[in-house]
């Protein structure tokens, strides 16, 4: 039987999903990695990484998926950005080999401004973070700034209808469907290439088994 969560517990879970912290944050991050891994892998596969590319991920969590990225191509240069200090430190612990060999770099940012020069990255991707963007148009414009001309950005998110059925999304979350994304992207310099819709059976953060509909949005700079 699934556990019943109080309103306070659900609010705390929402905050932890937005920006994990403390001992609870580590446990939430581990669960996030397990529940997000199929979406992350699907996004990585869609990105069709090529040898030598510069790759940026926004919201990498504990970083346990990096080996999947480095198996896609040779001589990749991975950069990860997080708003959570706890997740940055966890990712560094989990990927010491990649750090030692200078294949990966992890940094903190404020969720608005990317700490990079223009025209750096070939591919940028992010999975299940768009709900927490405080200024999505501003962030998308900055993502466009650091992408090379013709570079691609992949934004993966669970559909609004699915998210509205979860018990912990009342606070902290801004939810989207395909139409919302089309409207959002139209206010940025990006060209919308495709929206790939997928579905899967998963166990939610509160233990419920649910059908998750999600989308991978492909943008071009």
Protein backbone atom coordinates (compact mmCIF):
# COMPACT_ATOMS: atom_id res chain seq x y z
CA UNK A 1 0.00 0.00 0.00
CA UNK A 2 1.33 3.47 -0.88
CA UNK A 3 2.15 5.75 2.03
CA UNK A 4 -0.14 8.71 2.67
CA UNK A 5 1.83 11.97 2.75
CA UNK A 6 0.85 15.07 4.70
CA UNK A 7 0.63 18.46 3.02
CA UNK A 8 3.82 19.49 4.81
CA UNK A 9 5.67 16.40 3.56
CA UNK A 10 4.48 17.00 0.00
CA UNK A 11 5.62 20.62 0.11
CA UNK A 12 9.03 19.55 1.43
CA UNK A 13 9.32 16.95 -1.34
CA UNK A 14 8.53 19.61 -3.95
CA UNK A 15 11.26 21.87 -2.54
CA UNK A 16 13.77 19.02 -2.51
CA UNK A 17 12.97 18.15 -6.13
CA UNK A 18 13.55 21.79 -7.05
CA UNK A 19 16.86 22.13 -5.18
CA UNK A 20 18.00 19.12 -3.10
CA UNK A 21 19.69 19.89 0.21
CA UNK A 22 20.75 18.11 3.40
CA UNK A 23 20.46 14.39 4.12
CA UNK A 24 16.96 14.29 2.69
CA UNK A 25 18.29 15.82 -0.51
CA UNK A 26 20.71 12.94 -1.09
CA UNK A 27 17.92 10.38 -0.75
CA UNK A 28 15.63 12.38 -3.03
CA UNK A 29 18.44 12.71 -5.59
CA UNK A 30 18.97 8.94 -5.64
CA UNK A 31 15.27 8.40 -6.23
CA UNK A 32 15.24 11.11 -8.90
CA UNK A 33 18.07 9.42 -10.74
CA UNK A 34 16.20 6.11 -10.77
CA UNK A 35 12.89 7.60 -11.89
CA UNK A 36 14.44 9.97 -14.45
CA UNK A 37 17.01 7.65 -15.98
CA UNK A 38 14.81 6.44 -18.85
CA UNK A 39 13.96 10.04 -19.80
CA UNK A 40 17.62 10.99 -19.52
CA UNK A 41 18.76 8.08 -21.68
CA UNK A 42 16.10 8.83 -24.30
CA UNK A 43 17.28 12.45 -24.39
CA UNK A 44 20.93 11.45 -24.73
CA UNK A 45 20.05 9.09 -27.58
CA UNK A 46 18.04 11.79 -29.38
CA UNK A 47 20.96 14.21 -29.09
CA UNK A 48 23.07 11.92 -31.33
CA UNK A 49 26.38 13.04 -29.83
CA UNK A 50 29.44 13.15 -32.06
CA UNK A 51 33.14 12.73 -31.27
CA UNK A 52 34.78 15.80 -29.76
CA UNK A 53 31.60 17.74 -29.03
CA UNK A 54 31.13 20.15 -26.15
CA UNK A 55 28.07 19.16 -24.12
CA UNK A 56 26.27 21.10 -21.39
CA UNK A 57 23.67 19.63 -19.03
CA UNK A 58 21.49 21.80 -16.81
CA UNK A 59 20.41 20.07 -13.60
CA UNK A 60 22.54 16.91 -13.65
CA UNK A 61 21.52 15.77 -10.15
CA UNK A 62 23.91 13.23 -8.61
CA UNK A 63 25.49 12.58 -12.00
CA UNK A 64 25.24 8.79 -11.92
CA UNK A 65 24.28 8.81 -15.61
CA UNK A 66 27.50 10.32 -16.97
CA UNK A 67 28.90 6.99 -18.08
CA UNK A 68 25.90 6.72 -20.43
CA UNK A 69 26.91 10.03 -22.01
CA UNK A 70 30.56 9.12 -22.45
CA UNK A 71 29.59 5.84 -24.13
CA UNK A 72 27.87 7.78 -26.94
CA UNK A 73 31.00 9.23 -28.56
CA UNK A 74 34.74 9.74 -28.15
CA UNK A 75 36.56 12.75 -26.72
CA UNK A 76 33.44 14.46 -25.37
CA UNK A 77 33.77 17.56 -23.21
CA UNK A 78 30.99 17.53 -20.59
CA UNK A 79 29.97 20.52 -18.48
CA UNK A 80 27.30 20.22 -15.79
CA UNK A 81 25.47 23.09 -14.09
CA UNK A 82 23.43 22.86 -10.90
CA UNK A 83 21.55 25.23 -8.62
CA UNK A 84 22.09 22.74 -5.78
CA UNK A 85 25.48 22.71 -4.06
CA UNK A 86 24.63 19.27 -2.68
CA UNK A 87 24.09 17.86 -6.18
CA UNK A 88 27.29 19.42 -7.52
CA UNK A 89 29.27 17.77 -4.73
CA UNK A 90 27.49 14.42 -5.21
CA UNK A 91 28.18 14.49 -8.96
CA UNK A 92 31.86 15.21 -8.30
CA UNK A 93 32.07 12.23 -5.93
CA UNK A 94 30.33 9.93 -8.39
CA UNK A 95 32.50 10.97 -11.34
CA UNK A 96 36.01 11.33 -9.97
CA UNK A 97 37.53 9.46 -12.94
CA UNK A 98 35.95 11.87 -15.42
CA UNK A 99 37.13 14.82 -13.32
CA UNK A 100 40.70 13.54 -12.99
CA UNK A 101 40.93 13.09 -16.75
CA UNK A 102 39.37 16.54 -17.28
CA UNK A 103 36.52 15.10 -19.32
CA UNK A 104 33.86 16.60 -17.04
CA UNK A 105 33.41 19.84 -15.10
CA UNK A 106 30.68 20.65 -12.60
CA UNK A 107 29.71 24.19 -11.57
CA UNK A 108 26.98 26.07 -9.72
CA UNK A 109 24.79 28.74 -11.32
CA UNK A 110 21.83 30.88 -10.33
CA UNK A 111 19.30 29.30 -12.68
CA UNK A 112 19.27 32.39 -14.91
CA UNK A 113 22.72 33.24 -16.27
CA UNK A 114 25.05 30.61 -17.72
CA UNK A 115 28.70 31.24 -16.73
CA UNK A 116 30.10 30.73 -20.24
CA UNK A 117 31.16 32.78 -23.25
CA UNK A 118 29.13 32.80 -26.46
CA UNK A 119 29.18 29.97 -29.02
CA UNK A 120 30.76 27.28 -26.82
CA UNK A 121 28.50 24.22 -26.94
CA UNK A 122 27.39 21.82 -29.65
CA UNK A 123 24.64 20.23 -27.55
CA UNK A 124 22.78 21.39 -24.44
CA UNK A 125 20.20 19.24 -22.70
CA UNK A 126 18.12 19.23 -19.55
CA UNK A 127 15.69 16.68 -18.12
CA UNK A 128 12.86 17.49 -15.70
CA UNK A 129 14.13 20.94 -14.75
CA UNK A 130 11.93 23.29 -16.76
CA UNK A 131 9.22 23.18 -14.08
CA UNK A 132 11.53 25.09 -11.75
CA UNK A 133 12.80 27.79 -14.12
CA UNK A 134 11.93 31.15 -12.59
CA UNK A 135 12.45 33.08 -15.86
CA UNK A 136 12.21 30.56 -18.72
CA UNK A 137 12.46 33.08 -21.57
CA UNK A 138 15.56 34.68 -20.06
CA UNK A 139 17.21 31.30 -19.50
CA UNK A 140 16.36 30.07 -23.00
CA UNK A 141 17.88 33.21 -24.50
CA UNK A 142 21.05 32.58 -22.52
CA UNK A 143 21.11 28.93 -23.59
CA UNK A 144 20.89 30.18 -27.18
CA UNK A 145 23.78 32.58 -26.51
CA UNK A 146 26.20 29.84 -25.44
CA UNK A 147 25.21 27.40 -28.21
CA UNK A 148 27.19 27.35 -31.44
CA UNK A 149 25.32 28.36 -34.58
CA UNK A 150 23.40 25.26 -35.64
CA UNK A 151 23.85 23.71 -32.20
CA UNK A 152 20.97 21.84 -30.62
CA UNK A 153 19.15 22.04 -27.30
CA UNK A 154 16.99 19.24 -25.88
CA UNK A 155 14.43 19.96 -23.16
CA UNK A 156 12.68 16.93 -21.71
CA UNK A 157 9.65 17.26 -19.46
CA UNK A 158 6.64 15.30 -18.23
CA UNK A 159 3.38 16.49 -19.72
CA UNK A 160 1.14 18.86 -17.76
CA UNK A 161 -1.77 16.40 -17.62
CA UNK A 162 0.47 13.78 -16.02
CA UNK A 163 2.06 16.26 -13.62
CA UNK A 164 -1.32 17.58 -12.47
CA UNK A 165 -2.22 14.07 -11.32
CA UNK A 166 0.72 13.89 -8.91
CA UNK A 167 0.22 14.82 -5.28
CA UNK A 168 3.39 16.88 -4.80
CA UNK A 169 3.25 19.29 -7.77
CA UNK A 170 0.85 21.87 -6.32
CA UNK A 171 3.72 24.12 -5.24
CA UNK A 172 7.15 24.87 -6.77
CA UNK A 173 6.19 23.48 -10.20
CA UNK A 174 5.27 25.26 -13.44
CA UNK A 175 3.77 22.64 -15.73
CA UNK A 176 3.82 22.51 -19.52
CA UNK A 177 2.24 20.71 -22.44
CA UNK A 178 3.26 20.79 -26.10
CA UNK A 179 1.22 23.93 -26.81
CA UNK A 180 2.78 25.76 -23.86
CA UNK A 181 6.24 24.86 -25.14
CA UNK A 182 5.48 26.08 -28.66
CA UNK A 183 4.30 29.40 -27.24
CA UNK A 184 7.36 29.68 -24.99
CA UNK A 185 9.85 28.91 -27.75
CA UNK A 186 8.20 31.45 -30.07
CA UNK A 187 9.40 34.17 -27.67
CA UNK A 188 13.06 33.11 -28.03
CA UNK A 189 15.62 33.07 -30.87
CA UNK A 190 15.40 29.27 -31.14
CA UNK A 191 14.03 27.32 -34.08
CA UNK A 192 11.71 24.52 -32.97
CA UNK A 193 12.80 21.36 -34.81
CA UNK A 194 10.63 18.66 -33.23
CA UNK A 195 8.60 17.58 -30.20
CA UNK A 196 8.95 13.84 -29.63
CA UNK A 197 6.21 12.38 -27.43
CA UNK A 198 6.79 9.24 -25.39
CA UNK A 199 5.11 7.33 -22.54
CA UNK A 200 6.17 4.78 -19.93
CA UNK A 201 5.09 3.11 -16.68
CA UNK A 202 6.98 4.46 -13.66
CA UNK A 203 6.80 4.68 -9.89
CA UNK A 204 6.29 8.25 -8.74
CA UNK A 205 8.19 10.04 -5.96
CA UNK A 206 5.40 9.09 -3.53
CA UNK A 207 5.39 5.41 -4.53
CA UNK A 208 2.48 5.36 -6.97
CA UNK A 209 2.77 3.36 -10.20
CA UNK A 210 1.63 5.68 -12.98
CA UNK A 211 1.74 6.10 -16.77
CA UNK A 212 4.08 8.98 -17.53
CA UNK A 213 3.64 10.89 -20.76
CA UNK A 214 6.62 13.05 -21.60
CA UNK A 215 8.14 15.05 -24.42
CA UNK A 216 11.63 15.69 -25.76
CA UNK A 217 11.79 19.12 -27.38
CA UNK A 218 14.51 19.62 -29.99
CA UNK A 219 15.63 23.21 -30.65
CA UNK A 220 18.25 24.62 -33.00
CA UNK A 221 20.30 27.77 -32.51
